Amino acid sequence: MATKKTLGEIKQSVEDHLGERVTLKTNKGRKKVKVKEGVLLETYPAVFVVRIDEGLESERKISYSYSDILTETVEVTLIDTEVRICAS
């Protein structure tokens, strides 16, 4: 079971890498997985925001909760160092 300490550690790990490029691997269920690249933009008490560059001068912002990382619905990997931000 998740504890506040676990979610707090995940939040701190995300905050430590603000501004860095990441790869997001999102599990959409029924063997559907989406992979996107973006930049960790902001953190809030319950969510963090990633700016996704879609090319052709188009960008969008997507927010994820820290519990998405904890439940492995979203996998966040730093592009430059290939370090994975995870609950363990």
C-alpha atoms as a PDB file:
ATOM      1  CA  MET A   1       0.000   0.000   0.000  1.00  0.00           C
ATOM      2  CA  ALA A   2       1.225   3.488  -0.832  1.00  0.00           C
ATOM      3  CA  THR A   3       2.264   5.764   1.965  1.00  0.00           C
ATOM      4  CA  LYS A   4       2.700   9.517   1.996  1.00  0.00           C
ATOM      5  CA  LYS A   5       6.434   8.954   2.287  1.00  0.00           C
ATOM      6  CA  THR A   6       6.466   6.946  -0.932  1.00  0.00           C
ATOM      7  CA  LEU A   7       4.468   9.560  -2.851  1.00  0.00           C
ATOM      8  CA  GLY A   8       6.616  12.273  -1.276  1.00  0.00           C
ATOM      9  CA  GLU A   9       9.774  10.559  -2.503  1.00  0.00           C
ATOM     10  CA  ILE A  10       8.340  10.306  -6.022  1.00  0.00           C
ATOM     11  CA  LYS A  11       7.390  13.997  -5.955  1.00  0.00           C
ATOM     12  CA  GLN A  12      10.879  14.961  -4.768  1.00  0.00           C
ATOM     13  CA  SER A  13      12.465  12.868  -7.510  1.00  0.00           C
ATOM     14  CA  VAL A  14      10.334  14.616 -10.154  1.00  0.00           C
ATOM     15  CA  GLU A  15      11.172  18.041  -8.655  1.00  0.00           C
ATOM     16  CA  ASP A  16      14.892  17.209  -8.769  1.00  0.00           C
ATOM     17  CA  HIS A  17      14.672  16.793 -12.554  1.00  0.00           C
ATOM     18  CA  LEU A  18      12.540  19.814 -13.528  1.00  0.00           C
ATOM     19  CA  GLY A  19      13.505  21.214 -16.916  1.00  0.00           C
ATOM     20  CA  GLU A  20      14.993  17.939 -18.141  1.00  0.00           C
ATOM     21  CA  ARG A  21      13.839  16.002 -21.211  1.00  0.00           C
ATOM     22  CA  VAL A  22      11.976  12.787 -20.494  1.00  0.00           C
ATOM     23  CA  THR A  23      10.354   9.884 -22.272  1.00  0.00           C
ATOM     24  CA  LEU A  24       6.848   9.037 -21.073  1.00  0.00           C
ATOM     25  CA  LYS A  25       5.534   5.538 -21.604  1.00  0.00           C
ATOM     26  CA  THR A  26       1.805   5.509 -20.822  1.00  0.00           C
ATOM     27  CA  ASN A  27      -0.168   2.298 -20.365  1.00  0.00           C
ATOM     28  CA  LYS A  28      -3.651   2.840 -21.820  1.00  0.00           C
ATOM     29  CA  GLY A  29      -4.864  -0.714 -21.137  1.00  0.00           C
ATOM     30  CA  ARG A  30      -5.618  -3.637 -23.469  1.00  0.00           C
ATOM     31  CA  LYS A  31      -2.017  -3.703 -24.693  1.00  0.00           C
ATOM     32  CA  LYS A  32      -2.151  -0.046 -25.772  1.00  0.00           C
ATOM     33  CA  VAL A  33       1.022   1.836 -24.905  1.00  0.00           C
ATOM     34  CA  LYS A  34       1.810   5.407 -25.966  1.00  0.00           C
ATOM     35  CA  VAL A  35       5.364   6.765 -25.937  1.00  0.00           C
ATOM     36  CA  LYS A  36       5.980  10.527 -25.939  1.00  0.00           C
ATOM     37  CA  GLU A  37       8.904  12.841 -25.315  1.00  0.00           C
ATOM     38  CA  GLY A  38       8.721  16.101 -23.455  1.00  0.00           C
ATOM     39  CA  VAL A  39      10.126  18.336 -20.722  1.00  0.00           C
ATOM     40  CA  LEU A  40       9.241  18.214 -17.020  1.00  0.00           C
ATOM     41  CA  LEU A  41       7.703  21.647 -16.607  1.00  0.00           C
ATOM     42  CA  GLU A  42       6.070  22.124 -13.185  1.00  0.00           C
ATOM     43  CA  THR A  43       5.132  20.283 -10.022  1.00  0.00           C
ATOM     44  CA  TYR A  44       2.102  20.759  -7.817  1.00  0.00           C
ATOM     45  CA  PRO A  45       1.054  19.002  -4.595  1.00  0.00           C
ATOM     46  CA  ALA A  46      -0.789  16.192  -6.420  1.00  0.00           C
ATOM     47  CA  VAL A  47       0.324  16.374 -10.071  1.00  0.00           C
ATOM     48  CA  PHE A  48       3.238  17.248 -12.332  1.00  0.00           C
ATOM     49  CA  VAL A  49       3.083  18.819 -15.793  1.00  0.00           C
ATOM     50  CA  VAL A  50       5.017  17.760 -18.892  1.00  0.00           C
ATOM     51  CA  ARG A  51       5.275  19.864 -22.069  1.00  0.00           C
ATOM     52  CA  ILE A  52       5.007  17.608 -25.116  1.00  0.00           C
ATOM     53  CA  ASP A  53       6.528  18.884 -28.372  1.00  0.00           C
ATOM     54  CA  GLU A  54       4.544  17.545 -31.306  1.00  0.00           C
ATOM     55  CA  GLY A  55       6.511  19.209 -34.098  1.00  0.00           C
ATOM     56  CA  LEU A  56       5.438  21.906 -36.546  1.00  0.00           C
ATOM     57  CA  GLU A  57       5.479  24.531 -33.810  1.00  0.00           C
ATOM     58  CA  SER A  58       2.817  22.624 -31.894  1.00  0.00           C
ATOM     59  CA  GLU A  59       3.054  21.807 -28.210  1.00  0.00           C
ATOM     60  CA  ARG A  60       0.712  20.776 -25.434  1.00  0.00           C
ATOM     61  CA  LYS A  61       0.854  20.252 -21.716  1.00  0.00           C
ATOM     62  CA  ILE A  62      -0.207  17.040 -20.023  1.00  0.00           C
ATOM     63  CA  SER A  63      -0.516  16.498 -16.297  1.00  0.00           C
ATOM     64  CA  TYR A  64       0.023  13.224 -14.460  1.00  0.00           C
ATOM     65  CA  SER A  65      -0.383  12.350 -10.810  1.00  0.00           C
ATOM     66  CA  TYR A  66       2.433  10.937  -8.710  1.00  0.00           C
ATOM     67  CA  SER A  67       0.252   7.897  -8.077  1.00  0.00           C
ATOM     68  CA  ASP A  68       0.415   7.190 -11.848  1.00  0.00           C
ATOM     69  CA  ILE A  69       4.145   6.570 -11.372  1.00  0.00           C
ATOM     70  CA  LEU A  70       3.497   4.550  -8.210  1.00  0.00           C
ATOM     71  CA  THR A  71       0.975   2.267  -9.946  1.00  0.00           C
ATOM     72  CA  GLU A  72       3.199   2.084 -13.056  1.00  0.00           C
ATOM     73  CA  THR A  73       0.504   3.552 -15.312  1.00  0.00           C
ATOM     74  CA  VAL A  74       3.172   6.037 -16.453  1.00  0.00           C
ATOM     75  CA  GLU A  75       6.870   5.296 -16.798  1.00  0.00           C
ATOM     76  CA  VAL A  76       9.125   8.376 -16.751  1.00  0.00           C
ATOM     77  CA  THR A  77      12.684   7.997 -18.049  1.00  0.00           C
ATOM     78  CA  LEU A  78      15.251  10.787 -18.328  1.00  0.00           C
ATOM     79  CA  ILE A  79      16.511  10.964 -21.917  1.00  0.00           C
ATOM     80  CA  ASP A  80      20.099  12.093 -21.285  1.00  0.00           C
ATOM     81  CA  THR A  81      20.955   9.666 -18.492  1.00  0.00           C
ATOM     82  CA  GLU A  82      18.340   6.962 -19.140  1.00  0.00           C
ATOM     83  CA  VAL A  83      17.468   7.000 -15.417  1.00  0.00           C
ATOM     84  CA  ARG A  84      13.945   5.889 -14.648  1.00  0.00           C
ATOM     85  CA  ILE A  85      11.856   7.763 -12.064  1.00  0.00           C
ATOM     86  CA  CYS A  86       9.926   5.085 -10.200  1.00  0.00           C
ATOM     87  CA  ALA A  87       8.418   4.177  -6.834  1.00  0.00           C
ATOM     88  CA  SER A  88      11.126   1.729  -5.788  1.00  0.00           C
END
